[in-house]
Protein backbone atom coordinates (compact mmCIF):
# COMPACT_ATOMS: atom_id res chain seq x y z
CA UNK A 1 3.56 -20.45 1.94
CA UNK A 2 5.31 -17.30 0.16
CA UNK A 3 2.96 -14.90 -0.90
CA UNK A 4 5.29 -12.22 -2.96
CA UNK A 5 8.51 -11.30 -3.11
CA UNK A 6 9.26 -7.86 -3.36
CA UNK A 7 12.37 -6.54 -5.32
CA UNK A 8 14.40 -3.29 -5.01
CA UNK A 9 13.05 -1.07 -8.50
CA UNK A 10 16.80 -0.45 -8.65
CA UNK A 11 19.15 -2.42 -6.71
CA UNK A 12 22.04 -1.51 -5.71
CA UNK A 13 24.45 -3.32 -3.57
CA UNK A 14 24.53 -3.07 0.12
CA UNK A 15 21.71 -0.59 -0.20
CA UNK A 16 20.07 -2.45 2.93
CA UNK A 17 16.59 -3.29 1.14
CA UNK A 18 14.22 -5.04 3.50
CA UNK A 19 16.10 -3.90 6.93
CA UNK A 20 13.14 -2.80 7.94
CA UNK A 21 9.20 -3.80 6.95
CA UNK A 22 6.14 -2.40 7.60
CA UNK A 23 2.17 -2.12 7.04
CA UNK A 24 1.12 0.74 6.46
CA UNK A 25 -3.02 0.57 5.99
CA UNK A 26 -4.84 0.95 2.65
CA UNK A 27 -3.40 3.91 -0.40
CA UNK A 28 -5.26 2.40 -3.16
CA UNK A 29 -8.87 1.48 -1.96
CA UNK A 30 -9.02 -2.21 -2.02
CA UNK A 31 -8.82 -2.68 1.73
CA UNK A 32 -5.48 -4.85 1.74
CA UNK A 33 -2.62 -3.09 3.15
CA UNK A 34 0.29 -1.54 1.47
CA UNK A 35 4.07 -2.52 2.05
CA UNK A 36 6.98 -0.12 3.82
CA UNK A 37 10.22 -1.21 2.89
CA UNK A 38 13.26 0.60 4.16
CA UNK A 39 16.45 0.79 2.65
CA UNK A 40 19.05 2.62 4.73
CA UNK A 41 21.80 2.83 2.84
CA UNK A 42 20.38 3.13 -0.85
CA UNK A 43 22.57 6.05 -2.69
CA UNK A 44 24.39 6.61 0.56
CA UNK A 45 21.50 8.44 2.20
CA UNK A 46 19.23 6.25 2.76
CA UNK A 47 14.93 5.50 1.12
CA UNK A 48 12.15 3.94 1.32
CA UNK A 49 9.19 2.09 -1.01
CA UNK A 50 5.94 1.74 -0.92
CA UNK A 51 4.62 -1.34 -2.61
CA UNK A 52 1.25 -1.95 -3.45
CA UNK A 53 -0.14 -5.08 -1.10
CA UNK A 54 -2.22 -6.31 -4.12
CA UNK A 55 0.10 -7.08 -6.24
CA UNK A 56 3.51 -6.01 -4.84
CA UNK A 57 4.04 -3.01 -7.60
CA UNK A 58 5.81 -0.20 -6.44
CA UNK A 59 3.39 3.07 -5.87
CA UNK A 60 5.97 5.34 -5.26
CA UNK A 61 9.57 6.00 -2.89
CA UNK A 62 10.47 8.52 -0.56
CA UNK A 63 13.90 10.07 -0.15
CA UNK A 64 15.64 11.83 3.01
CA UNK A 65 14.71 15.59 3.86
CA UNK A 66 18.14 16.16 4.12
CA UNK A 67 21.03 15.12 1.30
CA UNK A 68 23.09 14.05 4.05
CA UNK A 69 23.72 10.49 5.20
CA UNK A 70 21.33 9.86 8.07
CA UNK A 71 20.49 5.99 7.22
CA UNK A 72 17.03 7.18 6.00
CA UNK A 73 14.59 3.89 6.43
CA UNK A 74 16.12 2.18 8.98
CA UNK A 75 13.59 1.60 10.67
CA UNK A 76 9.57 2.61 9.12
CA UNK A 77 6.07 2.20 10.22
CA UNK A 78 2.91 3.23 9.10
CA UNK A 79 1.46 5.32 11.84
CA UNK A 80 -2.43 5.67 11.70
CA UNK A 81 -4.06 9.58 9.91
CA UNK A 82 -1.52 12.12 11.54
CA UNK A 83 -2.68 14.62 9.25
CA UNK A 84 -6.78 13.84 9.31
CA UNK A 85 -6.74 13.05 5.48
CA UNK A 86 -8.29 10.02 6.07
CA UNK A 87 -5.41 8.10 4.54
CA UNK A 88 -2.43 6.01 6.44
CA UNK A 89 0.50 8.15 7.15
CA UNK A 90 4.12 6.72 7.82
CA UNK A 91 6.84 7.33 10.03
CA UNK A 92 10.52 7.25 8.84
CA UNK A 93 13.60 7.10 11.20
CA UNK A 94 16.90 8.06 10.27
CA UNK A 95 19.45 7.72 13.24
CA UNK A 96 22.34 8.70 11.82
CA UNK A 97 20.86 12.04 10.87
CA UNK A 98 23.10 14.85 12.47
CA UNK A 99 20.51 17.55 13.93
CA UNK A 100 21.89 20.84 14.72
CA UNK A 101 25.64 20.06 14.12
CA UNK A 102 25.37 17.02 17.12
CA UNK A 103 26.35 13.85 15.02
CA UNK A 104 24.18 10.94 14.64
CA UNK A 105 21.75 12.43 17.14
CA UNK A 106 19.10 11.00 15.16
CA UNK A 107 16.19 11.81 13.64
CA UNK A 108 12.31 10.54 12.83
CA UNK A 109 10.05 11.94 9.52
CA UNK A 110 6.24 12.07 9.03
CA UNK A 111 4.74 11.68 5.74
CA UNK A 112 2.01 12.18 4.09
CA UNK A 113 0.26 8.99 2.65
CA UNK A 114 -1.42 10.37 0.28
CA UNK A 115 0.63 13.38 -0.75
CA UNK A 116 3.96 12.29 -0.16
CA UNK A 117 5.28 15.64 1.55
CA UNK A 118 6.77 15.91 4.65
CA UNK A 119 4.41 16.27 7.43
CA UNK A 120 7.14 17.27 10.50
CA UNK A 121 10.11 15.97 12.17
CA UNK A 122 10.52 14.27 15.19
CA UNK A 123 13.74 14.92 17.25
CA UNK A 124 15.29 13.70 20.22
CA UNK A 125 13.13 16.25 22.83
CA UNK A 126 16.72 15.61 25.42
CA UNK A 127 18.97 16.52 22.12
CA UNK A 128 22.31 14.08 22.09
CA UNK A 129 25.43 13.69 19.57
CA UNK A 130 25.36 9.49 18.92
CA UNK A 131 22.06 8.56 20.66
CA UNK A 132 20.66 7.55 17.55
CA UNK A 133 17.13 8.78 17.58
CA UNK A 134 15.10 7.16 15.40
CA UNK A 135 16.53 3.65 15.70
CA UNK A 136 13.28 2.19 15.89
CA UNK A 137 9.78 3.46 15.63
CA UNK A 138 6.28 1.98 16.73
CA UNK A 139 2.49 3.18 15.72
CA UNK A 140 0.88 3.27 19.08
CA UNK A 141 -2.58 4.16 18.36
CA UNK A 142 -4.08 7.59 20.16
CA UNK A 143 -2.08 7.41 24.17
CA UNK A 144 -3.25 10.54 24.96
CA UNK A 145 -6.98 10.93 23.49
CA UNK A 146 -6.16 14.29 21.19
CA UNK A 147 -7.93 12.02 18.60
CA UNK A 148 -4.06 11.78 16.87
CA UNK A 149 -2.24 8.43 16.43
CA UNK A 150 0.72 8.28 18.77
CA UNK A 151 4.33 7.62 17.62
CA UNK A 152 7.04 5.61 19.57
CA UNK A 153 10.38 6.59 19.35
CA UNK A 154 14.13 4.32 20.06
CA UNK A 155 16.77 5.95 21.05
CA UNK A 156 18.94 2.97 22.66
CA UNK A 157 22.52 5.36 22.76
CA UNK A 158 20.57 8.36 24.63
CA UNK A 159 22.14 9.20 27.93
CA UNK A 160 19.79 9.00 31.03
CA UNK A 161 21.58 11.48 34.28
CA UNK A 162 24.95 10.09 34.54
CA UNK A 163 24.11 7.13 33.22
CA UNK A 164 26.31 6.82 29.70
CA UNK A 165 24.71 4.80 26.92
CA UNK A 166 21.46 3.25 28.71
CA UNK A 167 19.11 4.15 25.64
CA UNK A 168 15.87 5.55 25.76
CA UNK A 169 11.70 5.18 24.67
CA UNK A 170 11.14 8.63 23.66
CA UNK A 171 6.85 8.60 23.41
CA UNK A 172 6.41 11.01 21.26
CA UNK A 173 2.68 12.28 21.51
CA UNK A 174 2.81 13.64 17.92
CA UNK A 175 1.36 16.95 17.47
CA UNK A 176 1.40 17.65 20.73
CA UNK A 177 3.90 17.91 24.20
CA UNK A 178 5.98 15.19 23.98
CA UNK A 179 5.33 12.49 27.42
CA UNK A 180 8.59 10.41 28.92
C-alpha cells in the first residue's frame, strides 16, 4: 500500500531527487519520524530536503556548505542527536567535494536537525583524490560509549596500501578520534 509520494518542491531535470532517502527522527513532536531526501545534482551542487513524516509537506532544505559541485545529498542518514540538544541530526555525503585541492576526495557534513546549522565536516582520515569519501553513510549508534552517536562513511575508491581503489569504510566516532 502506497502511503504517500514526495515531490521535489522545485522540480529540475536530472536533479537526482530521491537518489538517497532516510528516516530522520521526530522533529515536529507528532511521534512520526521525518524524511530526508537527497538530490545530488540539484542546482549543479546538490540539495537535501526534509519532509514532514505525517503529511509529506516540506519542512526545510539544506544547501552544500561550499558552492562548488560536490554531489551534496548523494547519501543521507539520520544520525541521532549528535549535538546533545534533544533533536535528531543528519549527516549528508558529498563524495565529489574537493578537499584541500584534492579533486573528488569527498566529504560528509553533520547538520543540526533543530537549527539546520552545520555542526562539522567529516573528512577522509587518509586524504586521497578520487576516494569519494561520503559515497555512503550510515548511523551506527554509540560505538565507543561516549554518549554521542557514531557514523559510518564509505569511500569505495580509497587506495589501501599499494592496492588501488580497494575501498574503505571509515568508522568515524563523531566528536572523538576516528577508529579504523
